[in-house]
Amino acid sequence: NLPNKTLLLAASSACIGGTFQYGYNISIINSPTVYVQNFINQTWAERYQTNISEDLLTLLWSTIVSMLTLGGFMGATIGGTLSMKLGRKGTLLTNNIFALVAALLMGLSYHTGLYELLIIGRFLIGITAGIAICVQPLYLGEIAPTAFRGTMGMGTSVFITGGILTGQVIGLKELLGREEYWPILLSTTCIPALLQLLTLPWFPESPRYLLIDKGDNQGCKKALKQLHGVADWDRELEEIQKEKNNLTGFQAKKPWELFTDRSFHWQIVTVMLFFTCALFFFSPFLKIYFYADYVFKQSGIPEDKIPYVTVGTGACECITALTCGMLIDCLGRKVLITGGYILMSICCILFTLALSFQDASPVIPYLSMVCIFAFILSFGLGPGGVTNILTTELFTQTARPAAYMVAGWVNWLSFLFISLVFPFIVVSYCFLVFLVICFSVVVYIFLVVPETKNKTFVEIQNAFKSNNSKDHTADSGRTTLLTTSI
């Protein structure tokens, strides 16, 4: 059976104004770098009748770029709370206000001569991205039936990579990559926001939120019928009702309570580890704009052609995310994420050898290119797609929003750390560090993480019960979940 058409449209609507914005705004800022710096220099000269110093120009540009990270952290901090107060759908719709204001400010910056508007705009779009990456996977995981939860959850990764690819394409000189178009380029972030505002209101709120958090039985039934079809909604209602019964007496968790409640010990460690590693390899500062450009130049590709090759890396990510979406409910989460990290380990070894012997043969630089693409493909096929889905699956309803807040914090702090540290790392040997990380994660997955394919949320929680009980034998009577099979 295929997912209901309404279900797919609801997921697409949530994603286009959600994590698509995250990926899009990561990539579009790179194309107009020189043009925005010229604008800052020109504005500074008009204001103060002197040219700006090189160091101060670099500082202002770095501030504009890094505001996305600061805003993202802020968005992740409030996203979980908003999702409980406004609902998953309500939060996603409200989130578009930040994107629209950001687009307006960035579009007006050139005409007003205020580069400060770029700083504010990037901060606001960061808030949009932070809320989206926290709440959108939550919505997708809760509207999807158990059999299609993996495929639906892959929407997060597909639209992130789609956003990155779209930003790379729009930023080409043939489209909006020219100097006179950069304010328009930065303000195009309003388009996904408007699309979501026009489409998402036609789809229902998360059925799990309606029944478990709000106690709206009729609203839940109506949402399930719309999302899953008249023939299949009753099975999903039964599962949600049993999950609600298992959570009787449990209050919604705060993020810090996940660290103090030992029944969630391995789940929260797993989420933090996976998100840190995923950002470690996902960050465009690392994978595309730093290493790829370096290798492409070494391979003899003309500098003016590198943006087109970089688009190729974005297309690879998008294709592998789609492939992962088709395989995840067949092969399972554990097989894909473990296989992805093993393939990445092999690429790390080959890439290190290729860079070490870069001048030994004219063929070696092209081997480095193959390693770059293979690394990206391996990441997208496993860790890049599965990480977000596991955050939904490893926690029950009362803990899930808090878990996404923690994941969001880790996501944005890792992003900031990577963007600050990686320019100072020696390219030739850093992949040996990646090799150690990949191998360590494979061992951790093998020993700790259960397979979650076709399991209900309570069944997954019970799979972690034995690991958690070893950590707090004395408290097992207080923290053991009901083992009723759904």
Protein backbone atom coordinates (compact mmCIF):
# COMPACT_ATOMS: atom_id res chain seq x y z
CA ASN A 1 0.00 0.00 0.00
CA LEU A 2 1.07 3.55 -0.74
CA PRO A 3 0.59 6.44 1.71
CA ASN A 4 -2.62 8.43 1.39
CA LYS A 5 -2.33 11.36 -1.06
CA THR A 6 -3.52 13.83 1.56
CA LEU A 7 -0.82 12.57 3.93
CA LEU A 8 1.91 13.19 1.32
CA LEU A 9 0.57 16.66 0.51
CA ALA A 10 0.44 17.58 4.21
CA ALA A 11 4.03 16.45 4.66
CA SER A 12 5.15 18.42 1.59
CA SER A 13 3.40 21.55 2.82
CA ALA A 14 5.02 21.23 6.24
CA CYS A 15 8.46 20.72 4.69
CA ILE A 16 8.43 23.48 2.07
CA GLY A 17 8.10 26.17 4.74
CA GLY A 18 10.09 24.15 7.27
CA THR A 19 13.43 22.45 6.76
CA PHE A 20 13.54 23.58 3.12
CA GLN A 21 14.14 27.05 4.58
CA TYR A 22 16.99 25.67 6.67
CA GLY A 23 18.80 24.21 3.69
CA TYR A 24 17.98 27.12 1.37
CA ASN A 25 19.33 29.79 3.70
CA ILE A 26 22.50 27.83 4.39
CA SER A 27 23.42 27.81 0.71
CA ILE A 28 22.17 31.12 -0.77
CA ILE A 29 24.41 33.25 1.45
CA ASN A 30 27.54 31.94 -0.26
CA SER A 31 26.80 33.20 -3.78
CA PRO A 32 26.59 36.97 -3.02
CA THR A 33 29.55 37.03 -0.59
CA VAL A 34 31.68 39.46 -2.63
CA TYR A 35 28.71 41.64 -3.58
CA VAL A 36 27.52 42.06 0.01
CA GLN A 37 31.04 42.88 1.14
CA ASN A 38 31.23 45.55 -1.58
CA PHE A 39 27.91 46.94 -0.35
CA ILE A 40 29.20 47.11 3.24
CA ASN A 41 32.39 48.82 2.05
CA GLN A 42 30.43 51.34 -0.02
CA THR A 43 27.98 52.07 2.80
CA TRP A 44 30.80 52.53 5.31
CA ALA A 45 32.58 54.99 3.00
CA GLU A 46 29.39 57.04 2.52
CA ARG A 47 28.74 57.18 6.25
CA TYR A 48 32.22 57.87 7.58
CA GLN A 49 34.10 59.16 4.50
CA THR A 50 36.73 56.45 4.87
CA ASN A 51 37.19 52.89 3.69
CA ILE A 52 36.43 50.11 6.16
CA SER A 53 39.39 48.08 7.39
CA GLU A 54 39.82 44.54 6.12
CA ASP A 55 39.48 43.07 9.62
CA LEU A 56 36.29 44.98 10.37
CA LEU A 57 34.78 44.01 7.01
CA THR A 58 35.54 40.36 7.74
CA LEU A 59 33.98 40.72 11.20
CA LEU A 60 30.78 42.27 9.83
CA TRP A 61 30.46 39.61 7.13
CA SER A 62 31.10 36.83 9.64
CA THR A 63 28.42 38.35 11.88
CA ILE A 64 25.88 38.34 9.04
CA VAL A 65 26.64 34.69 8.25
CA SER A 66 26.74 33.50 11.87
CA MET A 67 23.44 35.18 12.80
CA LEU A 68 21.71 32.17 11.23
CA THR A 69 23.30 29.95 13.88
CA LEU A 70 22.41 32.26 16.77
CA GLY A 71 18.84 32.58 15.55
CA GLY A 72 18.66 28.82 15.02
CA PHE A 73 19.64 28.18 18.61
CA MET A 74 16.97 30.64 19.76
CA GLY A 75 14.37 28.97 17.53
CA ALA A 76 15.26 25.51 18.86
CA THR A 77 14.88 26.85 22.40
CA ILE A 78 11.31 28.07 21.86
CA GLY A 79 10.21 25.51 19.25
CA GLY A 80 9.34 22.70 21.64
CA THR A 81 7.37 24.99 23.95
CA LEU A 82 5.45 26.55 21.06
CA SER A 83 4.60 23.10 19.69
CA MET A 84 2.90 22.22 22.99
CA LYS A 85 1.03 25.53 23.27
CA LEU A 86 0.07 26.20 19.63
CA GLY A 87 0.22 22.65 18.30
CA ARG A 88 2.57 21.32 15.64
CA LYS A 89 0.66 22.80 12.71
CA GLY A 90 -0.04 26.08 14.52
CA THR A 91 3.65 26.54 15.32
CA LEU A 92 4.71 25.91 11.72
CA LEU A 93 2.21 28.48 10.45
CA THR A 94 3.23 31.08 13.04
CA ASN A 95 6.87 30.46 12.22
CA ASN A 96 6.42 31.99 8.77
CA ILE A 97 6.09 35.45 10.31
CA PHE A 98 9.82 35.43 11.08
CA ALA A 99 10.64 34.38 7.50
CA LEU A 100 8.48 37.09 5.92
CA VAL A 101 9.92 39.86 8.11
CA ALA A 102 13.44 38.57 7.43
CA ALA A 103 12.85 38.59 3.66
CA LEU A 104 11.53 42.16 3.83
CA LEU A 105 14.49 43.43 5.86
CA MET A 106 17.14 41.75 3.70
CA GLY A 107 15.44 42.92 0.51
CA LEU A 108 15.38 46.54 1.74
CA SER A 109 18.95 46.59 3.05
CA TYR A 110 20.55 47.76 -0.20
CA HIS A 111 17.99 50.48 -1.00
CA THR A 112 18.09 51.89 2.53
CA GLY A 113 21.88 51.65 2.82
CA LEU A 114 21.57 49.73 6.10
CA TYR A 115 23.69 46.59 6.26
CA GLU A 116 22.38 46.19 9.82
CA LEU A 117 19.12 44.96 8.28
CA LEU A 118 21.05 41.97 6.91
CA ILE A 119 22.19 41.08 10.42
CA ILE A 120 18.65 41.30 11.81
CA GLY A 121 17.20 39.45 8.81
CA ARG A 122 19.66 36.57 9.10
CA PHE A 123 18.90 36.31 12.82
CA LEU A 124 15.15 36.11 12.13
CA ILE A 125 15.55 33.54 9.36
CA GLY A 126 17.71 31.59 11.82
CA ILE A 127 14.78 31.55 14.25
CA THR A 128 12.60 30.24 11.41
CA ALA A 129 15.10 27.46 10.67
CA GLY A 130 15.53 26.59 14.36
CA ILE A 131 11.81 26.23 14.97
CA ALA A 132 11.33 24.33 11.71
CA ILE A 133 14.01 21.73 12.33
CA CYS A 134 12.55 21.18 15.81
CA VAL A 135 8.81 21.08 15.03
CA GLN A 136 8.51 19.85 11.44
CA PRO A 137 10.00 16.35 12.08
CA LEU A 138 7.72 16.18 15.12
CA TYR A 139 4.68 16.83 12.92
CA LEU A 140 5.77 14.36 10.23
CA GLY A 141 6.45 11.59 12.77
CA GLU A 142 3.08 12.06 14.44
CA ILE A 143 0.88 12.20 11.33
CA ALA A 144 2.49 9.15 9.70
CA PRO A 145 1.16 5.60 10.15
CA THR A 146 3.64 3.17 11.72
CA ALA A 147 4.34 1.38 8.41
CA PHE A 148 5.34 4.62 6.65
CA ARG A 149 6.92 6.52 9.53
CA GLY A 150 10.42 6.12 8.12
CA THR A 151 9.48 7.20 4.61
CA MET A 152 7.51 10.18 5.90
CA GLY A 153 10.27 11.18 8.28
CA MET A 154 12.71 11.28 5.36
CA GLY A 155 10.85 14.37 4.17
CA THR A 156 13.02 16.34 6.59
CA SER A 157 16.27 15.31 4.91
CA VAL A 158 14.87 15.40 1.37
CA PHE A 159 13.72 19.00 1.78
CA ILE A 160 16.92 20.12 3.56
CA THR A 161 19.01 18.80 0.68
CA GLY A 162 16.45 20.13 -1.79
CA GLY A 163 16.74 23.55 -0.17
CA ILE A 164 20.53 23.47 -0.40
CA LEU A 165 20.39 22.43 -4.06
CA THR A 166 17.79 25.08 -4.89
CA GLY A 167 19.90 27.76 -3.20
CA GLN A 168 22.97 26.67 -5.18
CA VAL A 169 21.05 26.75 -8.48
CA ILE A 170 19.32 30.10 -7.81
CA GLY A 171 22.71 31.56 -6.86
CA LEU A 172 24.26 30.79 -10.26
CA LYS A 173 25.10 33.82 -12.43
CA GLU A 174 22.54 32.76 -15.03
CA LEU A 175 19.76 33.33 -12.46
CA LEU A 176 20.10 35.58 -9.40
CA GLY A 177 23.86 35.28 -8.88
CA ARG A 178 24.69 38.68 -10.42
CA GLU A 179 25.64 41.69 -8.32
CA GLU A 180 22.50 43.71 -9.07
CA TYR A 181 20.27 40.82 -7.98
CA TRP A 182 21.69 39.92 -4.54
CA PRO A 183 18.96 41.75 -2.50
CA ILE A 184 16.32 39.84 -4.49
CA LEU A 185 18.22 36.59 -3.97
CA LEU A 186 18.25 36.98 -0.18
CA SER A 187 14.59 38.03 -0.07
CA THR A 188 13.40 34.94 -2.02
CA THR A 189 13.16 33.19 1.35
CA CYS A 190 9.63 34.63 1.48
CA ILE A 191 8.46 32.26 -1.29
CA PRO A 192 8.53 29.00 0.75
CA ALA A 193 6.87 30.85 3.64
CA LEU A 194 4.03 32.07 1.44
CA LEU A 195 3.57 28.62 -0.08
CA GLN A 196 3.18 27.07 3.36
CA LEU A 197 0.75 29.77 4.52
CA LEU A 198 -1.40 29.06 1.46
CA THR A 199 -1.39 25.26 1.74
CA LEU A 200 -0.88 24.02 5.32
CA PRO A 201 -4.19 25.43 6.71
CA TRP A 202 -6.02 22.90 4.51
CA PHE A 203 -4.49 19.97 6.40
CA PRO A 204 -5.20 18.79 9.97
CA GLU A 205 -3.23 19.11 13.18
CA SER A 206 -1.23 16.12 14.45
CA PRO A 207 -3.75 13.43 15.59
CA ARG A 208 -1.44 12.42 18.46
CA TYR A 209 -1.29 16.00 19.70
CA LEU A 210 -5.07 16.33 19.48
CA LEU A 211 -5.82 13.16 21.47
CA ILE A 212 -2.91 12.80 23.91
CA ASP A 213 -2.10 16.46 24.63
CA LYS A 214 -5.50 18.14 24.10
CA GLY A 215 -7.92 15.27 24.80
CA ASP A 216 -9.83 16.04 21.58
CA ASN A 217 -11.17 12.63 20.57
CA GLN A 218 -13.41 13.88 17.76
CA GLY A 219 -10.69 16.12 16.33
CA CYS A 220 -8.28 13.19 16.36
CA LYS A 221 -10.73 10.94 14.50
CA LYS A 222 -11.40 13.62 11.88
CA ALA A 223 -7.66 14.20 11.35
CA LEU A 224 -6.94 10.47 11.03
CA LYS A 225 -9.72 10.01 8.46
CA GLN A 226 -8.36 12.90 6.40
CA LEU A 227 -4.72 11.78 6.61
CA HIS A 228 -5.01 7.99 6.44
CA GLY A 229 -8.27 7.38 4.63
CA VAL A 230 -11.62 6.05 5.80
CA ALA A 231 -10.47 2.40 5.67
CA ASP A 232 -7.31 2.68 7.77
CA TRP A 233 -7.90 5.37 10.39
CA ASP A 234 -9.30 3.09 13.12
CA ARG A 235 -6.08 1.06 13.49
CA GLU A 236 -4.07 4.24 14.03
CA LEU A 237 -6.62 5.52 16.55
CA GLU A 238 -6.27 2.30 18.53
CA GLU A 239 -2.48 2.68 18.62
CA ILE A 240 -2.71 6.33 19.74
CA GLN A 241 -5.28 5.45 22.39
CA LYS A 242 -3.04 2.71 23.81
CA GLU A 243 -0.08 5.07 23.85
CA LYS A 244 -2.23 7.59 25.73
CA ASN A 245 -3.20 4.91 28.27
CA ASN A 246 0.47 4.03 28.80
CA LEU A 247 1.26 7.69 29.48
CA THR A 248 -1.46 8.19 32.09
CA GLY A 249 0.07 10.01 35.04
CA PHE A 250 3.11 11.19 33.05
CA GLN A 251 3.55 14.95 32.62
CA ALA A 252 5.17 16.62 29.63
CA LYS A 253 8.93 16.63 30.11
CA LYS A 254 11.14 19.71 30.20
CA PRO A 255 14.46 19.40 28.32
CA TRP A 256 16.57 19.30 31.49
CA GLU A 257 14.35 16.56 32.90
CA LEU A 258 15.51 14.22 30.14
CA PHE A 259 19.01 14.41 31.62
CA THR A 260 17.87 13.77 35.19
CA ASP A 261 15.32 11.02 34.41
CA ARG A 262 17.41 7.88 34.07
CA SER A 263 14.70 6.08 32.11
CA PHE A 264 15.71 8.28 29.15
CA HIS A 265 19.47 7.99 29.65
CA TRP A 266 20.41 6.00 26.53
CA GLN A 267 17.82 7.67 24.34
CA ILE A 268 19.12 11.18 25.01
CA VAL A 269 22.76 10.06 24.69
CA THR A 270 21.90 8.46 21.34
CA VAL A 271 20.17 11.58 19.99
CA MET A 272 22.99 13.90 21.07
CA LEU A 273 25.64 11.60 19.59
CA PHE A 274 23.83 11.20 16.27
CA PHE A 275 23.08 14.90 15.84
CA THR A 276 26.64 15.90 16.70
CA CYS A 277 28.07 13.43 14.20
CA ALA A 278 25.50 14.30 11.53
CA LEU A 279 26.34 18.02 11.76
CA PHE A 280 30.02 17.14 11.84
CA PHE A 281 29.71 15.60 8.38
CA PHE A 282 26.74 17.55 7.02
CA SER A 283 27.98 21.11 7.50
CA PRO A 284 28.51 22.83 4.14
CA PHE A 285 31.51 24.60 5.64
CA LEU A 286 33.06 21.15 5.88
CA LYS A 287 31.77 18.97 3.15
CA ILE A 288 31.12 21.22 0.17
CA TYR A 289 32.51 24.72 0.42
CA PHE A 290 35.76 23.78 2.17
CA TYR A 291 36.94 20.37 1.01
CA ALA A 292 35.14 20.12 -2.32
CA ASP A 293 36.41 23.47 -3.62
CA TYR A 294 39.93 22.59 -2.50
CA VAL A 295 39.86 19.21 -4.24
CA PHE A 296 38.19 20.57 -7.36
CA LYS A 297 40.90 23.21 -7.75
CA GLN A 298 43.57 20.56 -7.24
CA SER A 299 41.88 18.47 -9.93
CA GLY A 300 42.39 21.24 -12.47
CA ILE A 301 38.78 22.36 -12.76
CA PRO A 302 38.62 26.07 -13.73
CA GLU A 303 37.55 28.25 -10.82
CA ASP A 304 34.57 29.69 -12.69
CA LYS A 305 33.23 26.15 -13.23
CA ILE A 306 33.50 25.05 -9.58
CA PRO A 307 30.02 26.42 -8.65
CA TYR A 308 28.48 24.06 -11.21
CA VAL A 309 30.40 21.08 -9.81
CA THR A 310 29.30 22.13 -6.34
CA VAL A 311 25.71 22.01 -7.58
CA GLY A 312 26.50 18.43 -8.53
CA THR A 313 27.37 17.61 -4.93
CA GLY A 314 24.06 19.13 -3.84
CA ALA A 315 22.23 17.03 -6.42
CA CYS A 316 24.00 13.92 -5.06
CA GLU A 317 22.73 14.70 -1.57
CA CYS A 318 19.20 15.17 -2.83
CA ILE A 319 19.23 11.89 -4.78
CA THR A 320 20.59 9.89 -1.85
CA ALA A 321 18.00 11.39 0.51
CA LEU A 322 15.26 10.26 -1.87
CA THR A 323 16.89 6.82 -2.16
CA CYS A 324 17.09 6.53 1.62
CA GLY A 325 13.40 7.40 1.81
CA MET A 326 12.54 4.51 -0.49
CA LEU A 327 14.74 2.02 1.40
CA ILE A 328 14.28 2.95 5.04
CA ASP A 329 11.02 1.09 5.65
CA CYS A 330 12.35 -1.96 3.79
CA LEU A 331 15.87 -2.31 5.20
CA GLY A 332 15.31 -0.63 8.56
CA ARG A 333 16.98 2.28 10.35
CA LYS A 334 19.84 0.34 11.94
CA VAL A 335 21.01 -1.24 8.67
CA LEU A 336 21.04 2.09 6.80
CA ILE A 337 22.77 4.19 9.45
CA THR A 338 25.36 1.50 10.24
CA GLY A 339 26.03 0.87 6.56
CA GLY A 340 26.35 4.60 5.92
CA TYR A 341 29.00 5.07 8.61
CA ILE A 342 30.93 1.99 7.41
CA LEU A 343 31.02 3.32 3.83
CA MET A 344 32.07 6.74 5.13
CA SER A 345 34.94 5.06 7.02
CA ILE A 346 36.17 3.48 3.80
CA CYS A 347 35.95 6.85 2.01
CA CYS A 348 37.96 8.48 4.81
CA ILE A 349 40.81 6.00 4.32
CA LEU A 350 40.84 6.41 0.54
CA PHE A 351 40.55 10.21 0.71
CA THR A 352 43.46 10.50 3.15
CA LEU A 353 45.63 8.33 0.90
CA ALA A 354 44.61 10.30 -2.19
CA LEU A 355 45.46 13.67 -0.63
CA SER A 356 48.74 12.35 0.75
CA PHE A 357 49.85 11.31 -2.76
CA GLN A 358 48.16 14.18 -4.61
CA ASP A 359 51.21 14.83 -6.86
CA ALA A 360 52.16 11.22 -7.51
CA SER A 361 49.92 10.87 -10.56
CA PRO A 362 47.52 13.01 -12.63
CA VAL A 363 44.83 10.47 -11.81
CA ILE A 364 45.01 10.97 -8.02
CA PRO A 365 43.12 14.33 -7.91
CA TYR A 366 40.22 12.68 -9.73
CA LEU A 367 40.27 9.85 -7.20
CA SER A 368 39.91 12.55 -4.54
CA MET A 369 36.83 13.85 -6.36
CA VAL A 370 35.34 10.36 -6.44
CA CYS A 371 35.95 10.07 -2.68
CA ILE A 372 34.20 13.41 -2.06
CA PHE A 373 31.10 12.30 -3.96
CA ALA A 374 31.18 8.81 -2.40
CA PHE A 375 31.44 10.34 1.08
CA ILE A 376 28.42 12.57 0.39
CA LEU A 377 26.43 9.65 -1.03
CA SER A 378 27.26 7.44 1.96
CA PHE A 379 26.25 10.14 4.41
CA GLY A 380 22.96 10.89 2.65
CA LEU A 381 22.07 7.22 2.31
CA GLY A 382 22.32 6.55 6.05
CA PRO A 383 23.16 9.06 8.80
CA GLY A 384 21.81 12.11 6.95
CA GLY A 385 18.35 10.62 6.61
CA VAL A 386 17.91 8.39 9.64
CA THR A 387 19.08 10.78 12.40
CA ASN A 388 15.96 13.00 12.44
CA ILE A 389 13.61 10.02 12.27
CA LEU A 390 15.19 8.36 15.31
CA THR A 391 14.54 11.44 17.45
CA THR A 392 10.83 10.97 16.79
CA GLU A 393 10.91 7.23 17.37
CA LEU A 394 13.04 6.98 20.51
CA PHE A 395 10.67 9.04 22.67
CA THR A 396 7.00 8.85 23.60
CA GLN A 397 4.57 11.78 23.32
CA THR A 398 5.31 13.47 26.65
CA ALA A 399 9.08 13.55 26.07
CA ARG A 400 9.26 14.11 22.30
CA PRO A 401 9.05 17.96 22.16
CA ALA A 402 11.74 18.24 24.84
CA ALA A 403 13.91 15.75 22.95
CA TYR A 404 13.67 17.88 19.81
CA MET A 405 14.65 20.97 21.79
CA VAL A 406 17.79 19.18 23.02
CA ALA A 407 18.49 17.93 19.48
CA GLY A 408 18.08 21.49 18.20
CA TRP A 409 20.55 22.85 20.74
CA VAL A 410 23.10 20.20 19.79
CA ASN A 411 22.45 20.86 16.10
CA TRP A 412 23.13 24.61 16.26
CA LEU A 413 25.99 24.48 18.77
CA SER A 414 27.70 21.85 16.61
CA PHE A 415 27.12 24.00 13.54
CA LEU A 416 28.75 26.99 15.26
CA PHE A 417 31.70 24.92 16.49
CA ILE A 418 32.30 23.39 13.07
CA SER A 419 32.19 26.70 11.23
CA LEU A 420 34.68 28.23 13.69
CA VAL A 421 37.12 25.33 13.96
CA PHE A 422 37.27 23.64 10.57
CA PRO A 423 39.07 26.39 8.62
CA PHE A 424 42.07 25.78 10.92
CA ILE A 425 42.22 22.00 10.42
CA VAL A 426 44.80 20.50 8.08
CA VAL A 427 42.87 19.00 5.16
CA SER A 428 45.16 16.05 4.44
CA TYR A 429 44.83 14.31 7.80
CA CYS A 430 41.50 15.46 9.20
CA PHE A 431 39.72 12.53 7.56
CA LEU A 432 41.62 10.26 9.92
CA VAL A 433 39.67 11.98 12.72
CA PHE A 434 36.48 11.31 10.76
CA LEU A 435 37.48 7.66 10.45
CA VAL A 436 37.77 7.28 14.23
CA ILE A 437 34.39 8.98 14.71
CA CYS A 438 32.66 6.80 12.11
CA PHE A 439 34.06 3.59 13.56
CA SER A 440 33.13 4.60 17.13
CA VAL A 441 29.54 5.36 16.10
CA VAL A 442 29.23 1.98 14.35
CA VAL A 443 30.29 0.22 17.57
CA TYR A 444 27.83 2.31 19.61
CA ILE A 445 24.93 1.53 17.25
CA PHE A 446 25.72 -2.18 17.34
CA LEU A 447 25.79 -2.30 21.16
CA VAL A 448 23.04 0.17 22.15
CA VAL A 449 20.54 1.17 19.45
CA PRO A 450 17.63 -1.20 18.65
CA GLU A 451 15.92 -1.51 15.29
CA THR A 452 12.78 0.66 15.26
CA LYS A 453 11.23 -0.40 11.93
CA ASN A 454 7.51 -1.27 12.22
CA LYS A 455 7.57 -0.80 16.01
CA THR A 456 5.22 1.46 17.94
CA PHE A 457 6.62 4.19 20.14
CA VAL A 458 5.96 2.23 23.34
CA GLU A 459 7.60 -0.91 21.92
CA ILE A 460 10.70 1.13 21.04
CA GLN A 461 10.75 2.62 24.54
CA ASN A 462 10.59 -0.86 26.02
CA ALA A 463 13.52 -1.95 23.84
CA PHE A 464 15.64 0.60 25.69
CA LYS A 465 14.28 -0.49 29.07
CA SER A 466 16.89 -3.16 29.72
CA ASN A 467 19.75 -0.75 28.99
CA ASN A 468 18.26 1.94 31.19
CA SER A 469 17.49 -0.49 34.02
CA LYS A 470 21.17 -1.43 34.25
CA ASP A 471 21.92 2.22 35.03
CA HIS A 472 19.36 2.56 37.78
CA THR A 473 18.42 -0.82 39.23
CA ALA A 474 17.30 0.82 42.45
CA ASP A 475 14.89 3.09 40.57
CA SER A 476 13.53 0.49 38.17
CA GLY A 477 10.22 0.25 39.95
CA ARG A 478 9.65 3.95 39.45
CA THR A 479 10.73 4.26 35.82
CA THR A 480 9.69 1.01 34.16
CA LEU A 481 7.21 1.65 31.39
CA LEU A 482 4.21 -0.55 30.86
CA THR A 483 5.13 -3.42 28.61
CA THR A 484 1.77 -3.75 26.97
CA SER A 485 2.35 -4.56 23.33
CA ILE A 486 0.51 -2.35 20.91
